[in-house]
C-alpha atoms as a PDB file:
ATOM      1  CA  MET A   1      30.876 -10.320  -3.375  1.00  0.00           C
ATOM      2  CA  VAL A   2      28.084 -12.916  -3.443  1.00  0.00           C
ATOM      3  CA  GLU A   3      24.746 -11.458  -4.466  1.00  0.00           C
ATOM      4  CA  LYS A   4      22.025 -12.031  -1.886  1.00  0.00           C
ATOM      5  CA  ARG A   5      19.350 -14.401  -3.194  1.00  0.00           C
ATOM      6  CA  LYS A   6      15.891 -12.928  -3.574  1.00  0.00           C
ATOM      7  CA  LEU A   7      13.121 -14.336  -1.442  1.00  0.00           C
ATOM      8  CA  ARG A   8      10.986 -16.793  -3.391  1.00  0.00           C
ATOM      9  CA  VAL A   9       7.311 -16.047  -2.745  1.00  0.00           C
ATOM     10  CA  ALA A  10       3.845 -17.266  -3.697  1.00  0.00           C
ATOM     11  CA  ALA A  11       0.223 -16.314  -3.098  1.00  0.00           C
ATOM     12  CA  VAL A  12      -2.010 -19.157  -1.931  1.00  0.00           C
ATOM     13  CA  GLY A  13      -5.677 -18.446  -2.576  1.00  0.00           C
ATOM     14  CA  VAL A  14      -6.171 -15.738  -5.207  1.00  0.00           C
ATOM     15  CA  GLY A  15      -9.835 -14.867  -4.912  1.00  0.00           C
ATOM     16  CA  SER A  16     -11.160 -11.374  -4.153  1.00  0.00           C
ATOM     17  CA  LEU A  17      -8.364 -10.506  -1.704  1.00  0.00           C
ATOM     18  CA  GLY A  18      -5.633 -13.001  -2.540  1.00  0.00           C
ATOM     19  CA  ARG A  19      -5.323 -11.690  -6.094  1.00  0.00           C
ATOM     20  CA  HIS A  20      -4.137  -8.387  -4.602  1.00  0.00           C
ATOM     21  CA  HIS A  21      -1.421 -10.249  -2.715  1.00  0.00           C
ATOM     22  CA  ALA A  22      -0.408 -11.768  -6.057  1.00  0.00           C
ATOM     23  CA  ARG A  23      -0.429  -8.346  -7.722  1.00  0.00           C
ATOM     24  CA  ASN A  24       1.782  -6.837  -5.034  1.00  0.00           C
ATOM     25  CA  TYR A  25       4.247  -9.710  -5.195  1.00  0.00           C
ATOM     26  CA  SER A  26       4.318  -9.351  -8.986  1.00  0.00           C
ATOM     27  CA  GLU A  27       5.061  -5.631  -8.685  1.00  0.00           C
ATOM     28  CA  LEU A  28       7.779  -6.302  -6.107  1.00  0.00           C
ATOM     29  CA  ALA A  29       9.256  -8.943  -8.417  1.00  0.00           C
ATOM     30  CA  ALA A  30       9.329  -6.389 -11.252  1.00  0.00           C
ATOM     31  CA  GLU A  31      11.206  -4.052  -8.909  1.00  0.00           C
ATOM     32  CA  GLY A  32      13.747  -6.796  -8.231  1.00  0.00           C
ATOM     33  CA  ARG A  33      12.935  -7.393  -4.575  1.00  0.00           C
ATOM     34  CA  VAL A  34      11.442 -10.911  -4.740  1.00  0.00           C
ATOM     35  CA  GLU A  35      11.002 -13.806  -7.114  1.00  0.00           C
ATOM     36  CA  LEU A  36       7.335 -14.638  -7.666  1.00  0.00           C
ATOM     37  CA  VAL A  37       7.323 -18.423  -8.001  1.00  0.00           C
ATOM     38  CA  GLY A  38       3.612 -18.603  -8.605  1.00  0.00           C
ATOM     39  CA  ILE A  39       0.044 -18.522  -7.389  1.00  0.00           C
ATOM     40  CA  CYS A  40      -2.089 -21.357  -6.065  1.00  0.00           C
ATOM     41  CA  ASP A  41      -5.849 -21.779  -6.177  1.00  0.00           C
ATOM     42  CA  THR A  42      -8.159 -24.784  -6.284  1.00  0.00           C
ATOM     43  CA  ASP A  43     -10.388 -23.064  -8.844  1.00  0.00           C
ATOM     44  CA  PRO A  44      -8.786 -23.664 -12.272  1.00  0.00           C
ATOM     45  CA  ALA A  45     -10.348 -20.626 -13.945  1.00  0.00           C
ATOM     46  CA  THR A  46      -9.270 -18.248 -11.170  1.00  0.00           C
ATOM     47  CA  ALA A  47      -5.779 -19.720 -11.062  1.00  0.00           C
ATOM     48  CA  ALA A  48      -5.376 -19.433 -14.818  1.00  0.00           C
ATOM     49  CA  GLU A  49      -6.630 -15.841 -14.885  1.00  0.00           C
ATOM     50  CA  VAL A  50      -4.339 -14.591 -12.108  1.00  0.00           C
ATOM     51  CA  GLY A  51      -1.368 -16.687 -13.218  1.00  0.00           C
ATOM     52  CA  ARG A  52      -1.578 -15.308 -16.759  1.00  0.00           C
ATOM     53  CA  ALA A  53      -1.919 -11.739 -15.466  1.00  0.00           C
ATOM     54  CA  HIS A  54       1.400 -12.022 -13.647  1.00  0.00           C
ATOM     55  CA  SER A  55       3.230 -14.452 -15.936  1.00  0.00           C
ATOM     56  CA  CYS A  56       4.024 -16.809 -13.076  1.00  0.00           C
ATOM     57  CA  GLY A  57       3.636 -20.459 -12.198  1.00  0.00           C
ATOM     58  CA  ILE A  58       0.175 -21.871 -11.544  1.00  0.00           C
ATOM     59  CA  PHE A  59      -0.420 -24.483  -8.825  1.00  0.00           C
ATOM     60  CA  ASP A  60      -3.611 -26.309  -7.869  1.00  0.00           C
ATOM     61  CA  ASP A  61      -2.312 -27.679  -4.548  1.00  0.00           C
ATOM     62  CA  TRP A  62      -0.296 -25.709  -1.986  1.00  0.00           C
ATOM     63  CA  ARG A  63       1.808 -28.786  -1.205  1.00  0.00           C
ATOM     64  CA  LYS A  64       3.396 -28.489  -4.641  1.00  0.00           C
ATOM     65  CA  LEU A  65       5.019 -25.233  -3.467  1.00  0.00           C
ATOM     66  CA  LEU A  66       6.984 -26.937  -0.681  1.00  0.00           C
ATOM     67  CA  GLY A  67      10.679 -26.729  -1.418  1.00  0.00           C
ATOM     68  CA  LYS A  68      10.100 -24.064  -4.050  1.00  0.00           C
ATOM     69  CA  VAL A  69       9.344 -20.998  -1.874  1.00  0.00           C
ATOM     70  CA  ASP A  70      10.701 -19.140   1.155  1.00  0.00           C
ATOM     71  CA  ALA A  71       7.518 -17.252   2.057  1.00  0.00           C
ATOM     72  CA  VAL A  72       3.816 -17.269   1.199  1.00  0.00           C
ATOM     73  CA  SER A  73       0.653 -15.264   1.656  1.00  0.00           C
ATOM     74  CA  ILE A  74      -2.424 -17.318   2.531  1.00  0.00           C
ATOM     75  CA  ALA A  75      -5.823 -15.865   1.614  1.00  0.00           C
ATOM     76  CA  THR A  76      -7.914 -19.027   1.492  1.00  0.00           C
ATOM     77  CA  PRO A  77     -11.208 -19.585   3.359  1.00  0.00           C
ATOM     78  CA  THR A  78     -10.667 -19.169   7.110  1.00  0.00           C
ATOM     79  CA  GLU A  79     -11.458 -22.792   7.905  1.00  0.00           C
ATOM     80  CA  SER A  80      -8.397 -23.858   5.879  1.00  0.00           C
ATOM     81  CA  HIS A  81      -5.886 -21.402   7.374  1.00  0.00           C
ATOM     82  CA  ALA A  82      -4.513 -23.654  10.094  1.00  0.00           C
ATOM     83  CA  GLY A  83      -3.921 -26.723   7.937  1.00  0.00           C
ATOM     84  CA  ILE A  84      -2.208 -24.834   5.133  1.00  0.00           C
ATOM     85  CA  ALA A  85      -0.214 -22.493   7.390  1.00  0.00           C
ATOM     86  CA  CYS A  86       1.064 -25.326   9.575  1.00  0.00           C
ATOM     87  CA  GLY A  87       2.117 -27.241   6.455  1.00  0.00           C
ATOM     88  CA  PHE A  88       4.318 -24.357   5.361  1.00  0.00           C
ATOM     89  CA  LEU A  89       5.538 -23.359   8.829  1.00  0.00           C
ATOM     90  CA  GLU A  90       6.603 -26.900   9.695  1.00  0.00           C
ATOM     91  CA  ASN A  91       8.764 -26.825   6.582  1.00  0.00           C
ATOM     92  CA  GLY A  92      10.443 -23.584   7.637  1.00  0.00           C
ATOM     93  CA  ILE A  93       8.485 -21.404   5.197  1.00  0.00           C
ATOM     94  CA  HIS A  94       7.429 -17.958   6.433  1.00  0.00           C
ATOM     95  CA  VAL A  95       3.679 -17.254   6.409  1.00  0.00           C
ATOM     96  CA  LEU A  96       1.551 -14.129   6.099  1.00  0.00           C
ATOM     97  CA  VAL A  97      -1.987 -15.328   6.753  1.00  0.00           C
ATOM     98  CA  GLU A  98      -5.051 -13.171   6.206  1.00  0.00           C
ATOM     99  CA  LYS A  99      -7.327 -12.233   9.090  1.00  0.00           C
ATOM    100  CA  PRO A 100      -8.798 -13.846  11.058  1.00  0.00           C
ATOM    101  CA  ILE A 101      -5.807 -15.987  11.935  1.00  0.00           C
ATOM    102  CA  ALA A 102      -8.021 -19.073  12.169  1.00  0.00           C
ATOM    103  CA  LEU A 103     -11.547 -20.242  12.827  1.00  0.00           C
ATOM    104  CA  LYS A 104     -10.860 -21.484  16.371  1.00  0.00           C
ATOM    105  CA  LEU A 105      -8.371 -20.613  19.109  1.00  0.00           C
ATOM    106  CA  ALA A 106      -7.039 -24.176  19.136  1.00  0.00           C
ATOM    107  CA  GLU A 107      -6.126 -23.780  15.457  1.00  0.00           C
ATOM    108  CA  ALA A 108      -4.382 -20.472  16.156  1.00  0.00           C
ATOM    109  CA  ASP A 109      -2.406 -22.219  18.896  1.00  0.00           C
ATOM    110  CA  GLN A 110      -1.344 -24.931  16.438  1.00  0.00           C
ATOM    111  CA  MET A 111      -0.078 -22.287  14.009  1.00  0.00           C
ATOM    112  CA  ILE A 112       1.836 -20.395  16.701  1.00  0.00           C
ATOM    113  CA  ALA A 113       3.383 -23.633  17.947  1.00  0.00           C
ATOM    114  CA  ALA A 114       4.394 -24.684  14.415  1.00  0.00           C
ATOM    115  CA  ALA A 115       6.147 -21.355  13.884  1.00  0.00           C
ATOM    116  CA  GLY A 116       7.879 -21.696  17.239  1.00  0.00           C
ATOM    117  CA  ARG A 117       9.212 -25.154  16.434  1.00  0.00           C
ATOM    118  CA  SER A 118      10.603 -24.307  13.006  1.00  0.00           C
ATOM    119  CA  GLY A 119      11.639 -20.707  13.587  1.00  0.00           C
ATOM    120  CA  ALA A 120       9.625 -19.579  10.554  1.00  0.00           C
ATOM    121  CA  LYS A 121       7.813 -16.270  10.887  1.00  0.00           C
ATOM    122  CA  LEU A 122       4.041 -16.106  11.244  1.00  0.00           C
ATOM    123  CA  MET A 123       2.343 -12.776  10.535  1.00  0.00           C
ATOM    124  CA  VAL A 124      -1.387 -12.022  10.540  1.00  0.00           C
ATOM    125  CA  GLY A 125      -2.880  -9.673   7.946  1.00  0.00           C
ATOM    126  CA  GLN A 126      -4.614  -7.110  10.146  1.00  0.00           C
ATOM    127  CA  LEU A 127      -4.648  -4.571   7.339  1.00  0.00           C
ATOM    128  CA  GLU A 128      -5.956  -1.529   9.220  1.00  0.00           C
ATOM    129  CA  ARG A 129      -2.731  -1.283  11.213  1.00  0.00           C
ATOM    130  CA  PHE A 130      -1.070  -0.369   7.907  1.00  0.00           C
ATOM    131  CA  ASN A 131      -3.655   2.161   6.746  1.00  0.00           C
ATOM    132  CA  PRO A 132      -1.705   5.423   6.238  1.00  0.00           C
ATOM    133  CA  ALA A 133      -4.136   7.335   8.459  1.00  0.00           C
ATOM    134  CA  MET A 134      -3.550   4.843  11.282  1.00  0.00           C
ATOM    135  CA  VAL A 135       0.205   4.997  10.679  1.00  0.00           C
ATOM    136  CA  ALA A 136       0.072   8.799  11.066  1.00  0.00           C
ATOM    137  CA  LEU A 137      -2.092   8.585  14.193  1.00  0.00           C
ATOM    138  CA  ARG A 138      -0.401   5.786  16.142  1.00  0.00           C
ATOM    139  CA  PRO A 139       2.437   7.892  17.657  1.00  0.00           C
ATOM    140  CA  ARG A 140      -0.145  10.361  19.013  1.00  0.00           C
ATOM    141  CA  VAL A 141      -2.205   7.780  20.892  1.00  0.00           C
ATOM    142  CA  THR A 142      -1.733   7.936  24.671  1.00  0.00           C
ATOM    143  CA  SER A 143      -4.525   6.430  26.760  1.00  0.00           C
ATOM    144  CA  PRO A 144      -7.816   6.052  24.868  1.00  0.00           C
ATOM    145  CA  LEU A 145     -10.821   5.975  27.172  1.00  0.00           C
ATOM    146  CA  TYR A 146     -13.913   5.779  24.966  1.00  0.00           C
ATOM    147  CA  PHE A 147     -14.376   4.556  21.377  1.00  0.00           C
ATOM    148  CA  GLU A 148     -17.256   4.835  18.905  1.00  0.00           C
ATOM    149  CA  ILE A 149     -16.494   2.768  15.803  1.00  0.00           C
ATOM    150  CA  HIS A 150     -18.593   2.221  12.674  1.00  0.00           C
ATOM    151  CA  ARG A 151     -17.633  -0.151   9.864  1.00  0.00           C
ATOM    152  CA  VAL A 152     -20.446  -0.496   7.336  1.00  0.00           C
ATOM    153  CA  SER A 153     -20.454  -1.658   3.720  1.00  0.00           C
ATOM    154  CA  PRO A 154     -22.884  -2.954   1.084  1.00  0.00           C
ATOM    155  CA  PHE A 155     -23.394  -6.689   0.889  1.00  0.00           C
ATOM    156  CA  PRO A 156     -20.193  -8.060  -0.667  1.00  0.00           C
ATOM    157  CA  ASN A 157     -20.099  -9.706  -4.061  1.00  0.00           C
ATOM    158  CA  ARG A 158     -17.935 -12.577  -2.861  1.00  0.00           C
ATOM    159  CA  SER A 159     -18.215 -15.826  -0.939  1.00  0.00           C
ATOM    160  CA  LEU A 160     -18.861 -15.460   2.781  1.00  0.00           C
ATOM    161  CA  ASP A 161     -17.331 -18.248   4.830  1.00  0.00           C
ATOM    162  CA  VAL A 162     -17.643 -16.388   8.155  1.00  0.00           C
ATOM    163  CA  ASP A 163     -20.021 -13.980   9.902  1.00  0.00           C
ATOM    164  CA  VAL A 164     -19.618 -10.210  10.046  1.00  0.00           C
ATOM    165  CA  VAL A 165     -17.618 -10.383  13.300  1.00  0.00           C
ATOM    166  CA  LEU A 166     -14.843 -12.524  11.828  1.00  0.00           C
ATOM    167  CA  ASP A 167     -15.224 -10.961   8.389  1.00  0.00           C
ATOM    168  CA  VAL A 168     -14.932  -7.218   9.139  1.00  0.00           C
ATOM    169  CA  MET A 169     -15.314  -6.413  12.848  1.00  0.00           C
ATOM    170  CA  ILE A 170     -12.083  -8.337  13.476  1.00  0.00           C
ATOM    171  CA  HIS A 171     -10.231  -5.283  12.090  1.00  0.00           C
ATOM    172  CA  ASP A 172     -11.579  -3.103  14.888  1.00  0.00           C
ATOM    173  CA  LEU A 173     -11.240  -5.737  17.601  1.00  0.00           C
ATOM    174  CA  ASP A 174      -7.548  -5.914  16.755  1.00  0.00           C
ATOM    175  CA  ALA A 175      -7.158  -2.137  16.500  1.00  0.00           C
ATOM    176  CA  ILE A 176      -8.717  -1.294  19.859  1.00  0.00           C
ATOM    177  CA  GLN A 177      -6.592  -3.866  21.690  1.00  0.00           C
ATOM    178  CA  TRP A 178      -3.526  -2.445  19.939  1.00  0.00           C
ATOM    179  CA  LEU A 179      -4.465   1.116  20.929  1.00  0.00           C
ATOM    180  CA  VAL A 180      -5.692   0.416  24.475  1.00  0.00           C
ATOM    181  CA  GLY A 181      -2.775  -1.899  25.234  1.00  0.00           C
ATOM    182  CA  GLU A 182      -2.284  -5.541  24.362  1.00  0.00           C
ATOM    183  CA  ASP A 183      -1.669  -6.416  28.014  1.00  0.00           C
ATOM    184  CA  VAL A 184      -4.981  -4.881  29.160  1.00  0.00           C
ATOM    185  CA  GLY A 185      -7.628  -7.506  29.904  1.00  0.00           C
ATOM    186  CA  VAL A 186     -11.331  -7.443  29.042  1.00  0.00           C
ATOM    187  CA  ARG A 187     -13.814  -6.940  31.891  1.00  0.00           C
ATOM    188  CA  GLU A 188     -17.165  -7.264  30.099  1.00  0.00           C
ATOM    189  CA  ILE A 189     -18.639  -7.844  26.642  1.00  0.00           C
ATOM    190  CA  LYS A 190     -22.222  -7.099  25.613  1.00  0.00           C
ATOM    191  CA  ALA A 191     -23.225  -7.822  22.037  1.00  0.00           C
ATOM    192  CA  VAL A 192     -26.159  -8.294  19.675  1.00  0.00           C
ATOM    193  CA  GLY A 193     -26.225  -9.371  16.053  1.00  0.00           C
ATOM    194  CA  ILE A 194     -28.609 -10.827  13.495  1.00  0.00           C
ATOM    195  CA  PRO A 195     -28.570 -12.550  10.105  1.00  0.00           C
ATOM    196  CA  VAL A 196     -30.208 -10.312   7.491  1.00  0.00           C
ATOM    197  CA  ILE A 197     -29.331 -11.494   3.983  1.00  0.00           C
ATOM    198  CA  SER A 198     -27.057 -14.477   4.510  1.00  0.00           C
ATOM    199  CA  ASP A 199     -27.478 -17.427   6.889  1.00  0.00           C
ATOM    200  CA  LYS A 200     -24.787 -15.940   9.164  1.00  0.00           C
ATOM    201  CA  VAL A 201     -24.760 -12.821  11.337  1.00  0.00           C
ATOM    202  CA  ASP A 202     -24.583  -9.864   8.936  1.00  0.00           C
ATOM    203  CA  THR A 203     -24.822  -6.935  11.337  1.00  0.00           C
ATOM    204  CA  ALA A 204     -23.617  -6.654  14.916  1.00  0.00           C
ATOM    205  CA  ASN A 205     -23.041  -4.188  17.717  1.00  0.00           C
ATOM    206  CA  VAL A 206     -20.775  -4.738  20.710  1.00  0.00           C
ATOM    207  CA  ARG A 207     -19.855  -2.877  23.873  1.00  0.00           C
ATOM    208  CA  ILE A 208     -16.498  -3.876  25.364  1.00  0.00           C
ATOM    209  CA  GLU A 209     -15.207  -2.653  28.713  1.00  0.00           C
ATOM    210  CA  PHE A 210     -11.528  -3.182  29.446  1.00  0.00           C
ATOM    211  CA  GLU A 211      -9.948  -3.720  32.852  1.00  0.00           C
ATOM    212  CA  ASN A 212      -8.427  -0.229  32.781  1.00  0.00           C
ATOM    213  CA  GLY A 213     -11.885   1.332  32.310  1.00  0.00           C
ATOM    214  CA  ALA A 214     -11.665   2.016  28.580  1.00  0.00           C
ATOM    215  CA  VAL A 215     -14.917   1.341  26.722  1.00  0.00           C
ATOM    216  CA  ALA A 216     -15.496   0.623  23.029  1.00  0.00           C
ATOM    217  CA  ASN A 217     -18.783   0.574  21.139  1.00  0.00           C
ATOM    218  CA  ILE A 218     -18.415  -1.062  17.728  1.00  0.00           C
ATOM    219  CA  THR A 219     -21.001  -1.431  14.965  1.00  0.00           C
ATOM    220  CA  ALA A 220     -20.161  -3.637  11.997  1.00  0.00           C
ATOM    221  CA  SER A 221     -22.529  -4.342   9.128  1.00  0.00           C
ATOM    222  CA  ARG A 222     -22.278  -5.747   5.622  1.00  0.00           C
ATOM    223  CA  VAL A 223     -25.820  -4.754   4.644  1.00  0.00           C
ATOM    224  CA  GLY A 224     -25.343  -0.994   4.443  1.00  0.00           C
ATOM    225  CA  VAL A 225     -26.082   1.385   1.567  1.00  0.00           C
ATOM    226  CA  GLY A 226     -22.637   2.995   1.424  1.00  0.00           C
ATOM    227  CA  LYS A 227     -19.235   2.514   3.015  1.00  0.00           C
ATOM    228  CA  VAL A 228     -18.315   3.868   6.451  1.00  0.00           C
ATOM    229  CA  ARG A 229     -14.891   3.282   8.026  1.00  0.00           C
ATOM    230  CA  LYS A 230     -14.836   5.711  10.921  1.00  0.00           C
ATOM    231  CA  THR A 231     -13.312   5.495  14.399  1.00  0.00           C
ATOM    232  CA  ARG A 232     -13.864   8.210  16.991  1.00  0.00           C
ATOM    233  CA  PHE A 233     -12.226   8.091  20.384  1.00  0.00           C
ATOM    234  CA  TYR A 234     -11.432  10.256  23.376  1.00  0.00           C
ATOM    235  CA  GLN A 235      -8.271  10.348  25.408  1.00  0.00           C
ATOM    236  CA  ARG A 236      -7.102  12.843  28.015  1.00  0.00           C
ATOM    237  CA  ASP A 237      -7.277  16.326  26.438  1.00  0.00           C
ATOM    238  CA  ALA A 238      -8.010  15.068  22.929  1.00  0.00           C
ATOM    239  CA  TYR A 239     -10.799  13.888  20.632  1.00  0.00           C
ATOM    240  CA  VAL A 240      -9.658  11.844  17.634  1.00  0.00           C
ATOM    241  CA  VAL A 241     -11.512  11.179  14.373  1.00  0.00           C
ATOM    242  CA  LEU A 242      -9.946   8.523  12.165  1.00  0.00           C
ATOM    243  CA  ASP A 243     -11.393   7.685   8.756  1.00  0.00           C
ATOM    244  CA  THR A 244      -9.550   4.739   7.226  1.00  0.00           C
ATOM    245  CA  GLY A 245     -11.751   4.912   4.141  1.00  0.00           C
ATOM    246  CA  ASP A 246     -10.815   8.494   3.279  1.00  0.00           C
ATOM    247  CA  LYS A 247      -7.390   8.054   4.937  1.00  0.00           C
ATOM    248  CA  THR A 248      -7.790  11.153   7.094  1.00  0.00           C
ATOM    249  CA  VAL A 249      -7.283  11.842  10.791  1.00  0.00           C
ATOM    250  CA  SER A 250      -7.909  14.881  12.968  1.00  0.00           C
ATOM    251  CA  ILE A 251      -7.181  15.609  16.610  1.00  0.00           C
ATOM    252  CA  THR A 252      -9.200  18.175  18.559  1.00  0.00           C
ATOM    253  CA  SER A 253      -7.383  19.264  21.703  1.00  0.00           C
ATOM    254  CA  LEU A 254      -7.266  21.966  24.340  1.00  0.00           C
ATOM    255  CA  ASP A 255      -4.633  24.663  24.071  1.00  0.00           C
ATOM    256  CA  ARG A 256      -4.051  25.510  27.712  1.00  0.00           C
ATOM    257  CA  ASN A 257      -1.895  28.502  26.746  1.00  0.00           C
ATOM    258  CA  ALA A 258      -4.623  30.179  24.684  1.00  0.00           C
ATOM    259  CA  SER A 259      -5.270  33.836  25.491  1.00  0.00           C
ATOM    260  CA  HIS A 260      -9.052  33.392  25.437  1.00  0.00           C
ATOM    261  CA  PRO A 261     -11.339  30.428  26.214  1.00  0.00           C
ATOM    262  CA  PHE A 262     -12.963  30.659  22.751  1.00  0.00           C
ATOM    263  CA  ALA A 263      -9.542  30.108  21.190  1.00  0.00           C
ATOM    264  CA  ALA A 264      -8.634  27.227  23.485  1.00  0.00           C
ATOM    265  CA  MET A 265      -9.898  24.444  21.216  1.00  0.00           C
ATOM    266  CA  ARG A 266      -7.762  23.630  18.205  1.00  0.00           C
ATOM    267  CA  VAL A 267      -8.244  21.068  15.438  1.00  0.00           C
ATOM    268  CA  GLU A 268      -5.146  19.538  13.910  1.00  0.00           C
ATOM    269  CA  LYS A 269      -5.344  17.521  10.701  1.00  0.00           C
ATOM    270  CA  LEU A 270      -2.437  15.111  10.634  1.00  0.00           C
ATOM    271  CA  GLU A 271      -0.299  14.776   7.557  1.00  0.00           C
ATOM    272  CA  VAL A 272      -0.987  11.400   5.968  1.00  0.00           C
ATOM    273  CA  VAL A 273       1.479   9.903   3.507  1.00  0.00           C
ATOM    274  CA  ASP A 274      -0.677   7.918   1.123  1.00  0.00           C
ATOM    275  CA  ALA A 275       0.297   4.336   0.385  1.00  0.00           C
ATOM    276  CA  GLU A 276      -1.502   1.087  -0.360  1.00  0.00           C
ATOM    277  CA  PRO A 277      -1.981  -0.609   3.038  1.00  0.00           C
ATOM    278  CA  LEU A 278      -1.485  -4.093   1.583  1.00  0.00           C
ATOM    279  CA  ARG A 279       1.802  -3.088  -0.049  1.00  0.00           C
ATOM    280  CA  THR A 280       2.981  -1.688   3.297  1.00  0.00           C
ATOM    281  CA  GLU A 281       1.870  -4.860   5.074  1.00  0.00           C
ATOM    282  CA  ILE A 282       3.623  -7.187   2.632  1.00  0.00           C
ATOM    283  CA  SER A 283       6.779  -5.053   2.635  1.00  0.00           C
ATOM    284  CA  SER A 284       6.918  -5.162   6.420  1.00  0.00           C
ATOM    285  CA  PHE A 285       6.542  -8.963   6.277  1.00  0.00           C
ATOM    286  CA  LEU A 286       9.463  -9.203   3.853  1.00  0.00           C
ATOM    287  CA  ASP A 287      11.498  -6.759   5.966  1.00  0.00           C
ATOM    288  CA  SER A 288      11.074  -8.956   9.039  1.00  0.00           C
ATOM    289  CA  ILE A 289      12.322 -11.993   7.101  1.00  0.00           C
ATOM    290  CA  GLU A 290      15.283 -10.233   5.522  1.00  0.00           C
ATOM    291  CA  ASN A 291      16.354  -8.541   8.771  1.00  0.00           C
ATOM    292  CA  ASP A 292      15.288 -11.404  11.079  1.00  0.00           C
ATOM    293  CA  THR A 293      13.131  -9.103  13.207  1.00  0.00           C
ATOM    294  CA  LEU A 294       9.754  -9.568  14.873  1.00  0.00           C
ATOM    295  CA  VAL A 295       6.822  -9.300  12.479  1.00  0.00           C
ATOM    296  CA  PRO A 296       4.560  -6.261  13.114  1.00  0.00           C
ATOM    297  CA  VAL A 297       1.453  -8.400  13.725  1.00  0.00           C
ATOM    298  CA  THR A 298       2.369 -11.664  15.418  1.00  0.00           C
ATOM    299  CA  GLY A 299       0.442 -14.888  15.705  1.00  0.00           C
ATOM    300  CA  GLU A 300      -0.218 -13.946  19.323  1.00  0.00           C
ATOM    301  CA  ASP A 301      -1.729 -10.637  18.151  1.00  0.00           C
ATOM    302  CA  GLY A 302      -3.992 -12.540  15.786  1.00  0.00           C
ATOM    303  CA  ARG A 303      -4.970 -14.898  18.588  1.00  0.00           C
ATOM    304  CA  ARG A 304      -5.915 -11.974  20.864  1.00  0.00           C
ATOM    305  CA  ALA A 305      -8.236 -10.570  18.209  1.00  0.00           C
ATOM    306  CA  LEU A 306      -9.783 -14.006  17.661  1.00  0.00           C
ATOM    307  CA  PHE A 307     -10.220 -14.486  21.421  1.00  0.00           C
ATOM    308  CA  LEU A 308     -12.125 -11.199  21.606  1.00  0.00           C
ATOM    309  CA  ALA A 309     -14.179 -12.154  18.539  1.00  0.00           C
ATOM    310  CA  GLU A 310     -15.154 -15.457  20.156  1.00  0.00           C
ATOM    311  CA  GLY A 311     -16.352 -13.550  23.223  1.00  0.00           C
ATOM    312  CA  VAL A 312     -18.465 -11.285  21.009  1.00  0.00           C
ATOM    313  CA  LEU A 313     -19.937 -14.239  19.116  1.00  0.00           C
ATOM    314  CA  ALA A 314     -20.814 -16.029  22.360  1.00  0.00           C
ATOM    315  CA  GLU A 315     -22.812 -12.990  23.498  1.00  0.00           C
ATOM    316  CA  ILE A 316     -24.527 -12.749  20.103  1.00  0.00           C
ATOM    317  CA  GLU A 317     -25.503 -16.414  20.265  1.00  0.00           C
ATOM    318  CA  ARG A 318     -27.025 -15.883  23.714  1.00  0.00           C
ATOM    319  CA  HIS A 319     -29.061 -12.971  22.403  1.00  0.00           C
ATOM    320  CA  LEU A 320     -30.197 -14.886  19.322  1.00  0.00           C
ATOM    321  CA  SER A 321     -31.363 -17.781  21.462  1.00  0.00           C
ATOM    322  CA  ARG A 322     -33.549 -15.372  23.446  1.00  0.00           C
ATOM    323  CA  ILE A 323     -35.253 -14.098  20.282  1.00  0.00           C
ATOM    324  CA  GLY A 324     -35.539 -17.524  18.697  1.00  0.00           C
ATOM    325  CA  VAL A 325     -33.166 -17.005  15.767  1.00  0.00           C
ATOM    326  CA  SER A 326     -30.623 -19.670  14.820  1.00  0.00           C
ATOM    327  CA  PRO A 327     -27.986 -18.683  12.241  1.00  0.00           C
ATOM    328  CA  THR A 328     -25.906 -21.505  10.777  1.00  0.00           C
END
């Protein structure tokens, strides 16, 4: 019997997030699932640090990985996603690219087309879909009607190449479309946002109404005091509270068979099987390659989230122009 060859993988961009991709690949290599060919970063000090930590090859240019790998994670600045991803995809190399898929819709389209031509898989790293609390909740979601979402964190100690919408709100823009229904269109977007500490929008609030009547209010800020990762939503006969920070989820519902009205309301805390979301995400990416199945978060999914983000940013720009503020 011929032993199946392990997938050869690499992490491209090993800064604050990419180094965790490298760590997970290194752990999977130690378990015998993949072969970690190496890491790639344009910063020599960062590359050397991460490469030494995982005893793997060190590359300063992603092109040097062509012909040496079967799949890569890309966690470089957003503006470089399309060029790097297309380079790998056009050579038949599978790509897991961090959110947002790209800076512009045209770039996302180029990536999707490149994957289509070569047959290589393109997956987008919308991490919250793999949060164990979300995994536990997803089968219980029926028809959400109203969302209140808060995602707040202190100002990050890392480079900021995009505004708060593309940086963190993109998680929730993807999640609500996934929960409401990816085929449900958007009827109206109202949004405000302002730069506070950086020269880009650091805090934003948006109200989105979908064609089926569902409404979502989302607040995202990277100038908070503490961390908040809470989603509350209502669907017929149920109120859901999802905390992806604490990895907890509860469902308050009406027990129509209760003997007394005071006993009619019940709160159910779902069982959550703890796991690192990024490990689950990467494993699902590898599963789709090994089994030749559809990736859990497709390029089209990433494009939908980016399309919604562009609509939010357009509304924010209109508001900023009215108050005389011009972020870069």
